[in-house]
Amino acid sequence: MSRDEQLKERWEFLVKKLSAQFSDGDPLELDGIVYLVGVQELGNFHRKFKKDEKVNLMHIAICRLLEPYGYYDFDFFDEDGWPHYTIKEQLPPLKAGEQSVLMKEALVNYFMEKEYIT
């Protein structure tokens, strides 16, 4: 099986599993899954977030997801428990499709690392 086919299968499985757990039957989209990673990384599961906090959660998730690729480094937790990252290397310019594949791969790797999927 090619790497692309394996990623596609794992991605579809991840979407199905997360959607069953966190959605009312509608498949979660990429942004929704990134948001879940942000909440997971913050570790504050049972509260409502304001709009600007939701944007920050997405940023946390993207930093965490791209950290293994060498783009970000974890720096510290602030007094409110929010993680902060520093940029190690700028992301190269990516087309929308390439960006989507990178994020899907990073998400699959993240959930495999967390042993949510195999």
Protein backbone atom coordinates (compact mmCIF):
# COMPACT_ATOMS: atom_id res chain seq x y z
CA MET A 1 0.00 0.00 0.00
CA SER A 2 1.38 3.41 -0.93
CA ARG A 3 2.02 6.09 1.67
CA ASP A 4 -0.80 8.21 0.20
CA GLU A 5 -3.29 5.34 0.37
CA GLN A 6 -2.28 4.56 3.95
CA LEU A 7 -2.71 8.22 4.95
CA LYS A 8 -6.12 8.32 3.25
CA GLU A 9 -7.29 5.19 5.10
CA ARG A 10 -6.01 6.40 8.45
CA TRP A 11 -7.50 9.86 7.90
CA GLU A 12 -10.92 8.43 7.05
CA PHE A 13 -10.78 6.15 10.10
CA LEU A 14 -9.77 9.08 12.34
CA VAL A 15 -12.59 11.29 11.03
CA LYS A 16 -15.11 8.50 11.52
CA LYS A 17 -13.95 7.75 15.07
CA LEU A 18 -13.77 11.39 16.18
CA SER A 19 -17.10 12.20 14.53
CA ALA A 20 -18.77 9.34 16.36
CA GLN A 21 -17.38 10.61 19.67
CA PHE A 22 -17.74 14.39 19.25
CA SER A 23 -20.31 15.07 16.55
CA ASP A 24 -24.01 14.39 16.08
CA GLY A 25 -23.39 12.11 13.15
CA ASP A 26 -21.99 14.77 10.83
CA PRO A 27 -18.38 14.10 9.83
CA LEU A 28 -15.95 16.50 11.46
CA GLU A 29 -13.94 18.66 9.11
CA LEU A 30 -10.23 19.37 9.29
CA ASP A 31 -10.68 22.63 11.24
CA GLY A 32 -12.90 20.91 13.79
CA ILE A 33 -10.29 18.24 14.41
CA VAL A 34 -7.55 20.86 14.72
CA TYR A 35 -9.76 22.63 17.29
CA LEU A 36 -10.11 19.36 19.27
CA VAL A 37 -6.31 19.05 19.38
CA GLY A 38 -6.10 22.61 20.74
CA VAL A 39 -8.56 21.77 23.51
CA GLN A 40 -6.66 18.53 24.22
CA GLU A 41 -3.35 20.38 24.45
CA LEU A 42 -4.79 23.06 26.72
CA GLY A 43 -6.35 20.35 28.88
CA ASN A 44 -9.36 22.45 29.82
CA PHE A 45 -12.19 20.28 28.50
CA HIS A 46 -15.32 21.49 30.27
CA ARG A 47 -15.60 25.16 29.58
CA LYS A 48 -16.96 27.44 26.88
CA PHE A 49 -14.38 29.37 24.91
CA LYS A 50 -14.74 32.88 23.58
CA LYS A 51 -14.13 33.56 19.90
CA ASP A 52 -10.57 34.84 20.42
CA GLU A 53 -9.80 31.85 22.64
CA LYS A 54 -10.99 29.51 19.89
CA VAL A 55 -8.55 31.16 17.48
CA ASN A 56 -5.80 30.70 20.08
CA LEU A 57 -6.76 27.03 20.48
CA MET A 58 -6.38 26.54 16.73
CA HIS A 59 -2.95 28.22 16.90
CA ILE A 60 -1.87 25.97 19.79
CA ALA A 61 -2.96 22.92 17.82
CA ILE A 62 -1.14 23.96 14.64
CA CYS A 63 2.05 24.65 16.60
CA ARG A 64 1.80 21.31 18.38
CA LEU A 65 1.00 19.41 15.20
CA LEU A 66 3.88 20.95 13.25
CA GLU A 67 6.40 20.74 16.11
CA PRO A 68 7.61 17.24 15.06
CA TYR A 69 8.27 18.63 11.56
CA GLY A 70 10.69 21.19 12.98
CA TYR A 71 8.58 24.30 12.42
CA TYR A 72 7.79 25.09 16.08
CA ASP A 73 9.31 24.48 19.49
CA PHE A 74 7.38 24.38 22.74
CA ASP A 75 8.50 27.31 24.89
CA PHE A 76 6.47 27.54 28.12
CA PHE A 77 3.07 27.52 29.79
CA ASP A 78 1.81 30.93 30.85
CA GLU A 79 0.20 31.67 34.23
CA ASP A 80 -3.22 30.63 32.83
CA GLY A 81 -1.88 27.28 31.62
CA TRP A 82 -1.82 28.15 27.91
CA PRO A 83 1.14 26.64 26.01
CA HIS A 84 3.37 28.96 23.98
CA TYR A 85 5.58 28.01 21.06
CA THR A 86 8.38 29.70 19.17
CA ILE A 87 8.84 29.51 15.43
CA LYS A 88 11.96 27.52 14.50
CA GLU A 89 11.51 27.63 10.76
CA GLN A 90 8.99 29.36 8.52
CA LEU A 91 6.62 27.07 6.69
CA PRO A 92 7.39 26.93 2.99
CA PRO A 93 4.74 28.34 0.68
CA LEU A 94 2.24 25.54 0.14
CA LYS A 95 -0.71 25.24 -2.18
CA ALA A 96 -4.06 24.62 -0.48
CA GLY A 97 -3.99 20.92 -1.32
CA GLU A 98 -0.43 20.51 -0.03
CA GLN A 99 -1.35 22.34 3.17
CA SER A 100 -4.33 20.04 3.67
CA VAL A 101 -2.22 16.90 3.17
CA LEU A 102 0.41 18.16 5.62
CA MET A 103 -2.21 18.87 8.28
CA LYS A 104 -3.96 15.52 7.74
CA GLU A 105 -0.63 13.71 8.05
CA ALA A 106 0.25 15.69 11.18
CA LEU A 107 -3.17 14.95 12.72
CA VAL A 108 -2.93 11.23 11.95
CA ASN A 109 0.56 11.15 13.48
CA TYR A 110 -0.65 13.06 16.55
CA PHE A 111 -3.54 10.67 17.20
CA MET A 112 -1.30 7.65 16.58
CA GLU A 113 1.19 9.08 19.11
CA LYS A 114 -1.68 9.47 21.59
CA GLU A 115 -2.71 5.85 20.78
CA TYR A 116 -6.20 6.96 19.78
CA ILE A 117 -5.71 5.21 16.45
CA THR A 118 -3.18 2.65 15.20
